[in-house]
Amino acid sequence: MNTKMESKFLKQIPFFSHLSEEQLGFLASLFENRLFHKGDAVIMQNEVGDGMYVIIFGEVEVVRDGQVLTTLTTNDFFGEMALVADEPRSANVTVTSDDLSAFYLSRKAFKAIKDDLGDEVKLEILRRISEDYGDEK
């Protein structure tokens, strides 16, 4: 994907939807493309998180303590709490489709948003993450 396509894709994600095209372009430049295969563990419960994922295509299963919580697919995201909290992951996320392509945003890259996009943008993203997290409880 190129930055323009990545920007359009990110615009579909609720907590990035309020960003301008320029801001989305900058944000897209911070994401890394990652590819996984069926059975791969993308994140493991109890390991310390260092970033979040946004699914481009594919499917994952989210499991906590052996209990399936949900299945996520295109445009869904997970691991977002790692952007703001240095805490262990709350669940395993494993690829269930043949392949999974995802954007990855590290905590370090997220911190760069403040420097380049300003506190207001970062706070809005954090507010939206908080709302999404609150909805899941």
N, C-alpha and C. Protein backbone atom coordinates (compact mmCIF):
# COMPACT_ATOMS: atom_id res chain seq x y z
N MET A 1 0.85 -1.19 0.00
CA MET A 1 0.00 0.00 0.00
C MET A 1 0.88 1.24 0.00
N ASN A 2 0.41 2.27 -0.65
CA ASN A 2 1.13 3.53 -0.57
C ASN A 2 0.48 4.41 0.49
N THR A 3 1.12 5.53 0.81
CA THR A 3 0.65 6.37 1.91
C THR A 3 -0.77 6.88 1.68
N LYS A 4 -1.11 7.20 0.43
CA LYS A 4 -2.47 7.70 0.15
C LYS A 4 -3.51 6.61 0.43
N MET A 5 -3.22 5.38 -0.01
CA MET A 5 -4.14 4.26 0.25
C MET A 5 -4.20 3.96 1.74
N GLU A 6 -3.06 4.01 2.41
CA GLU A 6 -3.03 3.77 3.86
C GLU A 6 -3.87 4.81 4.57
N SER A 7 -3.78 6.08 4.13
CA SER A 7 -4.55 7.17 4.74
C SER A 7 -6.05 6.90 4.62
N LYS A 8 -6.49 6.48 3.42
CA LYS A 8 -7.91 6.19 3.21
C LYS A 8 -8.35 5.03 4.10
N PHE A 9 -7.50 4.03 4.21
CA PHE A 9 -7.83 2.89 5.06
C PHE A 9 -7.94 3.33 6.52
N LEU A 10 -6.98 4.10 7.01
CA LEU A 10 -6.99 4.54 8.41
C LEU A 10 -8.20 5.43 8.71
N LYS A 11 -8.66 6.18 7.72
CA LYS A 11 -9.82 7.06 7.90
C LYS A 11 -11.05 6.26 8.32
N GLN A 12 -11.09 4.97 7.96
CA GLN A 12 -12.23 4.12 8.29
C GLN A 12 -12.20 3.64 9.75
N ILE A 13 -11.07 3.82 10.43
CA ILE A 13 -10.93 3.37 11.81
C ILE A 13 -11.49 4.47 12.71
N PRO A 14 -12.45 4.15 13.57
CA PRO A 14 -13.15 5.19 14.35
C PRO A 14 -12.26 6.21 15.06
N PHE A 15 -11.19 5.77 15.73
CA PHE A 15 -10.46 6.77 16.48
C PHE A 15 -9.42 7.52 15.65
N PHE A 16 -9.38 7.27 14.33
CA PHE A 16 -8.56 8.08 13.42
C PHE A 16 -9.44 8.90 12.47
N SER A 17 -10.74 8.67 12.47
CA SER A 17 -11.63 9.25 11.47
C SER A 17 -11.72 10.77 11.52
N HIS A 18 -11.38 11.37 12.63
CA HIS A 18 -11.48 12.82 12.78
C HIS A 18 -10.26 13.56 12.23
N LEU A 19 -9.22 12.83 11.83
CA LEU A 19 -7.98 13.45 11.38
C LEU A 19 -8.11 13.99 9.96
N SER A 20 -7.37 15.06 9.67
CA SER A 20 -7.33 15.62 8.32
C SER A 20 -6.52 14.69 7.41
N GLU A 21 -6.60 14.92 6.10
CA GLU A 21 -5.83 14.11 5.15
C GLU A 21 -4.34 14.23 5.42
N GLU A 22 -3.89 15.42 5.73
CA GLU A 22 -2.46 15.63 6.02
C GLU A 22 -2.05 14.86 7.28
N GLN A 23 -2.87 14.93 8.31
CA GLN A 23 -2.57 14.22 9.55
C GLN A 23 -2.60 12.71 9.33
N LEU A 24 -3.58 12.24 8.55
CA LEU A 24 -3.64 10.81 8.24
C LEU A 24 -2.42 10.35 7.46
N GLY A 25 -1.95 11.19 6.55
CA GLY A 25 -0.75 10.87 5.78
C GLY A 25 0.45 10.71 6.68
N PHE A 26 0.59 11.63 7.64
CA PHE A 26 1.70 11.53 8.59
C PHE A 26 1.56 10.26 9.43
N LEU A 27 0.36 10.03 9.93
CA LEU A 27 0.12 8.85 10.77
C LEU A 27 0.41 7.57 9.98
N ALA A 28 -0.03 7.52 8.73
CA ALA A 28 0.22 6.34 7.90
C ALA A 28 1.71 6.07 7.75
N SER A 29 2.51 7.12 7.74
CA SER A 29 3.96 6.94 7.60
C SER A 29 4.58 6.30 8.84
N LEU A 30 3.87 6.33 9.96
CA LEU A 30 4.38 5.75 11.20
C LEU A 30 4.06 4.25 11.33
N PHE A 31 3.08 3.78 10.56
CA PHE A 31 2.68 2.38 10.63
C PHE A 31 3.63 1.50 9.82
N GLU A 32 3.83 0.28 10.31
CA GLU A 32 4.58 -0.74 9.58
C GLU A 32 3.60 -1.78 9.09
N ASN A 33 3.82 -2.31 7.89
CA ASN A 33 3.01 -3.45 7.41
C ASN A 33 3.59 -4.71 8.01
N ARG A 34 2.74 -5.57 8.53
CA ARG A 34 3.17 -6.85 9.08
C ARG A 34 2.30 -7.96 8.50
N LEU A 35 2.93 -9.08 8.17
CA LEU A 35 2.23 -10.22 7.60
C LEU A 35 2.38 -11.42 8.52
N PHE A 36 1.28 -12.10 8.78
CA PHE A 36 1.26 -13.29 9.63
C PHE A 36 0.55 -14.41 8.88
N HIS A 37 0.71 -15.63 9.38
CA HIS A 37 0.09 -16.80 8.75
C HIS A 37 -0.76 -17.56 9.77
N LYS A 38 -1.62 -18.41 9.25
CA LYS A 38 -2.54 -19.17 10.09
C LYS A 38 -1.80 -19.82 11.26
N GLY A 39 -2.35 -19.62 12.47
CA GLY A 39 -1.76 -20.20 13.67
C GLY A 39 -0.74 -19.31 14.36
N ASP A 40 -0.28 -18.25 13.69
CA ASP A 40 0.69 -17.34 14.32
C ASP A 40 0.04 -16.60 15.49
N ALA A 41 0.79 -16.48 16.57
CA ALA A 41 0.35 -15.66 17.71
C ALA A 41 0.83 -14.24 17.45
N VAL A 42 -0.10 -13.32 17.26
CA VAL A 42 0.25 -11.92 17.01
C VAL A 42 0.64 -11.27 18.33
N ILE A 43 -0.16 -11.48 19.35
CA ILE A 43 0.20 -11.05 20.71
C ILE A 43 -0.14 -12.18 21.68
N MET A 44 0.56 -12.18 22.80
CA MET A 44 0.39 -13.23 23.80
C MET A 44 -0.06 -12.61 25.12
N GLN A 45 -1.04 -13.25 25.73
CA GLN A 45 -1.53 -12.82 27.03
C GLN A 45 -0.37 -12.77 28.02
N ASN A 46 -0.34 -11.73 28.81
CA ASN A 46 0.63 -11.48 29.89
C ASN A 46 1.98 -10.96 29.43
N GLU A 47 2.26 -10.89 28.12
CA GLU A 47 3.50 -10.24 27.72
C GLU A 47 3.23 -8.74 27.64
N VAL A 48 4.26 -7.96 27.90
CA VAL A 48 4.09 -6.50 27.89
C VAL A 48 3.93 -6.04 26.45
N GLY A 49 2.90 -5.24 26.22
CA GLY A 49 2.62 -4.75 24.87
C GLY A 49 3.47 -3.55 24.52
N ASP A 50 3.74 -3.41 23.23
CA ASP A 50 4.53 -2.26 22.77
C ASP A 50 3.91 -1.58 21.56
N GLY A 51 2.68 -1.96 21.19
CA GLY A 51 2.04 -1.32 20.05
C GLY A 51 0.69 -1.94 19.74
N MET A 52 0.02 -1.37 18.74
CA MET A 52 -1.30 -1.81 18.33
C MET A 52 -1.29 -2.26 16.89
N TYR A 53 -2.33 -3.00 16.51
CA TYR A 53 -2.49 -3.52 15.16
C TYR A 53 -3.84 -3.10 14.60
N VAL A 54 -3.87 -2.81 13.29
CA VAL A 54 -5.11 -2.58 12.56
C VAL A 54 -5.13 -3.59 11.42
N ILE A 55 -6.17 -4.40 11.36
CA ILE A 55 -6.24 -5.47 10.36
C ILE A 55 -6.59 -4.91 8.98
N ILE A 56 -5.73 -5.19 8.01
CA ILE A 56 -5.98 -4.82 6.62
C ILE A 56 -6.82 -5.91 5.97
N PHE A 57 -6.40 -7.15 6.11
CA PHE A 57 -7.21 -8.30 5.70
C PHE A 57 -6.82 -9.50 6.53
N GLY A 58 -7.76 -10.42 6.66
CA GLY A 58 -7.53 -11.62 7.45
C GLY A 58 -8.41 -11.63 8.68
N GLU A 59 -8.16 -12.62 9.54
CA GLU A 59 -9.01 -12.80 10.71
C GLU A 59 -8.17 -13.33 11.88
N VAL A 60 -8.49 -12.85 13.07
CA VAL A 60 -7.83 -13.32 14.28
C VAL A 60 -8.89 -13.69 15.31
N GLU A 61 -8.48 -14.53 16.24
CA GLU A 61 -9.33 -14.91 17.37
C GLU A 61 -8.68 -14.36 18.63
N VAL A 62 -9.50 -13.74 19.47
CA VAL A 62 -9.02 -13.18 20.73
C VAL A 62 -9.45 -14.11 21.86
N VAL A 63 -8.47 -14.61 22.63
CA VAL A 63 -8.72 -15.60 23.67
C VAL A 63 -8.07 -15.14 24.97
N ARG A 64 -8.86 -15.13 26.05
CA ARG A 64 -8.34 -14.80 27.38
C ARG A 64 -8.57 -16.00 28.29
N ASP A 65 -7.49 -16.47 28.89
CA ASP A 65 -7.57 -17.61 29.83
C ASP A 65 -8.33 -18.79 29.23
N GLY A 66 -8.07 -19.07 27.94
CA GLY A 66 -8.70 -20.20 27.28
C GLY A 66 -10.10 -19.96 26.76
N GLN A 67 -10.66 -18.81 27.05
CA GLN A 67 -12.03 -18.48 26.64
C GLN A 67 -12.00 -17.57 25.41
N VAL A 68 -12.66 -17.97 24.32
CA VAL A 68 -12.74 -17.14 23.12
C VAL A 68 -13.61 -15.93 23.42
N LEU A 69 -13.04 -14.74 23.23
CA LEU A 69 -13.78 -13.50 23.48
C LEU A 69 -14.46 -12.98 22.23
N THR A 70 -13.72 -13.01 21.11
CA THR A 70 -14.27 -12.48 19.86
C THR A 70 -13.38 -12.87 18.69
N THR A 71 -13.90 -12.61 17.51
CA THR A 71 -13.14 -12.75 16.27
C THR A 71 -13.08 -11.36 15.65
N LEU A 72 -11.91 -10.98 15.17
CA LEU A 72 -11.73 -9.67 14.54
C LEU A 72 -11.31 -9.85 13.09
N THR A 73 -11.70 -8.89 12.24
CA THR A 73 -11.39 -8.96 10.82
C THR A 73 -11.09 -7.56 10.27
N THR A 74 -11.12 -7.40 8.97
CA THR A 74 -10.76 -6.16 8.30
C THR A 74 -11.32 -4.92 9.00
N ASN A 75 -10.44 -3.92 9.18
CA ASN A 75 -10.74 -2.64 9.84
C ASN A 75 -10.81 -2.72 11.35
N ASP A 76 -10.80 -3.91 11.91
CA ASP A 76 -10.78 -4.03 13.37
C ASP A 76 -9.35 -3.78 13.86
N PHE A 77 -9.23 -3.46 15.13
CA PHE A 77 -7.92 -3.20 15.71
C PHE A 77 -7.83 -3.85 17.08
N PHE A 78 -6.61 -4.05 17.53
CA PHE A 78 -6.39 -4.63 18.84
C PHE A 78 -5.02 -4.21 19.35
N GLY A 79 -4.86 -4.30 20.66
CA GLY A 79 -3.59 -3.94 21.28
C GLY A 79 -3.42 -2.46 21.54
N GLU A 80 -4.49 -1.69 21.34
CA GLU A 80 -4.39 -0.23 21.44
C GLU A 80 -4.02 0.27 22.83
N MET A 81 -4.34 -0.48 23.86
CA MET A 81 -3.99 -0.03 25.22
C MET A 81 -2.47 0.02 25.41
N ALA A 82 -1.74 -0.72 24.61
CA ALA A 82 -0.27 -0.70 24.71
C ALA A 82 0.31 0.65 24.31
N LEU A 83 -0.48 1.47 23.62
CA LEU A 83 0.01 2.80 23.26
C LEU A 83 0.12 3.70 24.47
N VAL A 84 -0.68 3.42 25.49
CA VAL A 84 -0.76 4.33 26.64
C VAL A 84 -0.41 3.69 27.97
N ALA A 85 -0.35 2.36 28.01
CA ALA A 85 -0.10 1.69 29.29
C ALA A 85 0.98 0.62 29.12
N ASP A 86 1.92 0.62 30.03
CA ASP A 86 3.00 -0.37 30.02
C ASP A 86 2.58 -1.55 30.88
N GLU A 87 1.54 -2.25 30.42
CA GLU A 87 0.97 -3.35 31.19
C GLU A 87 0.94 -4.61 30.33
N PRO A 88 0.82 -5.77 30.98
CA PRO A 88 0.73 -7.02 30.23
C PRO A 88 -0.51 -7.07 29.34
N ARG A 89 -0.39 -7.76 28.22
CA ARG A 89 -1.52 -7.96 27.32
C ARG A 89 -2.60 -8.76 28.04
N SER A 90 -3.85 -8.43 27.75
CA SER A 90 -4.96 -9.07 28.45
C SER A 90 -5.46 -10.33 27.76
N ALA A 91 -4.96 -10.62 26.55
CA ALA A 91 -5.45 -11.78 25.81
C ALA A 91 -4.44 -12.23 24.76
N ASN A 92 -4.62 -13.46 24.29
CA ASN A 92 -3.88 -13.96 23.12
C ASN A 92 -4.65 -13.55 21.88
N VAL A 93 -3.93 -13.21 20.83
CA VAL A 93 -4.56 -12.94 19.54
C VAL A 93 -3.83 -13.81 18.52
N THR A 94 -4.58 -14.73 17.92
CA THR A 94 -4.01 -15.73 17.02
C THR A 94 -4.69 -15.66 15.65
N VAL A 95 -3.90 -15.80 14.60
CA VAL A 95 -4.42 -15.76 13.22
C VAL A 95 -5.22 -17.03 12.93
N THR A 96 -6.46 -16.84 12.45
CA THR A 96 -7.31 -17.98 12.10
C THR A 96 -7.52 -18.09 10.58
N SER A 97 -7.23 -17.05 9.84
CA SER A 97 -7.32 -17.10 8.38
C SER A 97 -5.99 -17.59 7.82
N ASP A 98 -5.95 -17.87 6.52
CA ASP A 98 -4.70 -18.33 5.92
C ASP A 98 -3.58 -17.31 6.12
N ASP A 99 -3.91 -16.05 5.90
CA ASP A 99 -2.94 -14.96 6.08
C ASP A 99 -3.60 -13.78 6.78
N LEU A 100 -2.78 -12.98 7.42
CA LEU A 100 -3.24 -11.75 8.05
C LEU A 100 -2.25 -10.66 7.69
N SER A 101 -2.78 -9.57 7.15
CA SER A 101 -1.97 -8.38 6.90
C SER A 101 -2.49 -7.30 7.84
N ALA A 102 -1.57 -6.66 8.54
CA ALA A 102 -1.98 -5.65 9.52
C ALA A 102 -0.99 -4.50 9.54
N PHE A 103 -1.51 -3.32 9.86
CA PHE A 103 -0.65 -2.18 10.16
C PHE A 103 -0.29 -2.28 11.63
N TYR A 104 0.95 -1.95 11.95
CA TYR A 104 1.42 -1.97 13.33
C TYR A 104 1.91 -0.57 13.68
N LEU A 105 1.47 -0.05 14.82
CA LEU A 105 1.91 1.24 15.32
C LEU A 105 2.55 1.02 16.68
N SER A 106 3.85 1.30 16.79
CA SER A 106 4.56 1.12 18.05
C SER A 106 4.26 2.26 19.01
N ARG A 107 4.48 2.01 20.28
CA ARG A 107 4.31 3.05 21.29
C ARG A 107 5.26 4.22 21.00
N LYS A 108 6.47 3.90 20.60
CA LYS A 108 7.47 4.94 20.29
C LYS A 108 6.98 5.83 19.14
N ALA A 109 6.43 5.22 18.09
CA ALA A 109 5.90 6.00 16.97
C ALA A 109 4.70 6.83 17.42
N PHE A 110 3.86 6.26 18.26
CA PHE A 110 2.69 6.99 18.76
C PHE A 110 3.12 8.24 19.53
N LYS A 111 4.19 8.12 20.28
CA LYS A 111 4.68 9.28 21.03
C LYS A 111 5.14 10.39 20.08
N ALA A 112 5.59 10.03 18.87
CA ALA A 112 6.01 11.01 17.88
C ALA A 112 4.83 11.84 17.38
N ILE A 113 3.62 11.31 17.51
CA ILE A 113 2.44 12.05 17.06
C ILE A 113 2.35 13.39 17.77
N LYS A 114 2.63 13.39 19.05
CA LYS A 114 2.56 14.64 19.83
C LYS A 114 3.49 15.68 19.24
N ASP A 115 4.70 15.27 18.90
CA ASP A 115 5.68 16.22 18.39
C ASP A 115 5.29 16.76 17.02
N ASP A 116 4.74 15.90 16.16
CA ASP A 116 4.45 16.31 14.79
C ASP A 116 3.02 16.74 14.53
N LEU A 117 2.08 16.23 15.29
CA LEU A 117 0.68 16.58 15.07
C LEU A 117 0.09 17.43 16.19
N GLY A 118 0.78 17.49 17.31
CA GLY A 118 0.31 18.31 18.42
C GLY A 118 -0.45 17.53 19.47
N ASP A 119 -0.51 18.13 20.65
CA ASP A 119 -1.18 17.51 21.79
C ASP A 119 -2.66 17.25 21.52
N GLU A 120 -3.32 18.18 20.82
CA GLU A 120 -4.77 18.04 20.62
C GLU A 120 -5.10 16.77 19.84
N VAL A 121 -4.32 16.48 18.80
CA VAL A 121 -4.57 15.29 18.00
C VAL A 121 -4.32 14.04 18.84
N LYS A 122 -3.21 14.03 19.55
CA LYS A 122 -2.90 12.87 20.39
C LYS A 122 -3.97 12.68 21.46
N LEU A 123 -4.42 13.75 22.09
CA LEU A 123 -5.45 13.63 23.12
C LEU A 123 -6.77 13.13 22.54
N GLU A 124 -7.10 13.56 21.33
CA GLU A 124 -8.34 13.08 20.70
C GLU A 124 -8.25 11.59 20.40
N ILE A 125 -7.11 11.13 19.92
CA ILE A 125 -6.93 9.70 19.67
C ILE A 125 -7.06 8.94 20.98
N LEU A 126 -6.41 9.44 22.03
CA LEU A 126 -6.49 8.80 23.34
C LEU A 126 -7.92 8.77 23.87
N ARG A 127 -8.65 9.85 23.66
CA ARG A 127 -10.05 9.91 24.11
C ARG A 127 -10.87 8.84 23.40
N ARG A 128 -10.65 8.72 22.10
CA ARG A 128 -11.41 7.74 21.33
C ARG A 128 -11.02 6.31 21.70
N ILE A 129 -9.75 6.07 21.97
CA ILE A 129 -9.32 4.75 22.45
C ILE A 129 -10.02 4.45 23.76
N SER A 130 -10.06 5.44 24.64
CA SER A 130 -10.69 5.27 25.94
C SER A 130 -12.18 4.94 25.79
N GLU A 131 -12.85 5.61 24.86
CA GLU A 131 -14.28 5.32 24.63
C GLU A 131 -14.46 3.90 24.14
N ASP A 132 -13.63 3.49 23.17
CA ASP A 132 -13.74 2.13 22.64
C ASP A 132 -13.46 1.11 23.72
N TYR A 133 -12.46 1.37 24.55
CA TYR A 133 -12.11 0.45 25.62
C TYR A 133 -13.24 0.36 26.64
N GLY A 134 -13.84 1.52 26.93
CA GLY A 134 -14.95 1.55 27.88
C GLY A 134 -16.16 0.79 27.38
N ASP A 135 -16.38 0.80 26.06
CA ASP A 135 -17.52 0.08 25.47
C ASP A 135 -17.36 -1.43 25.60
N GLU A 136 -16.11 -1.91 25.69
CA GLU A 136 -15.87 -3.34 25.73
C GLU A 136 -16.04 -3.91 27.13
N LYS A 137 -16.08 -3.09 28.14
CA LYS A 137 -16.19 -3.57 29.53
C LYS A 137 -17.60 -3.93 29.86
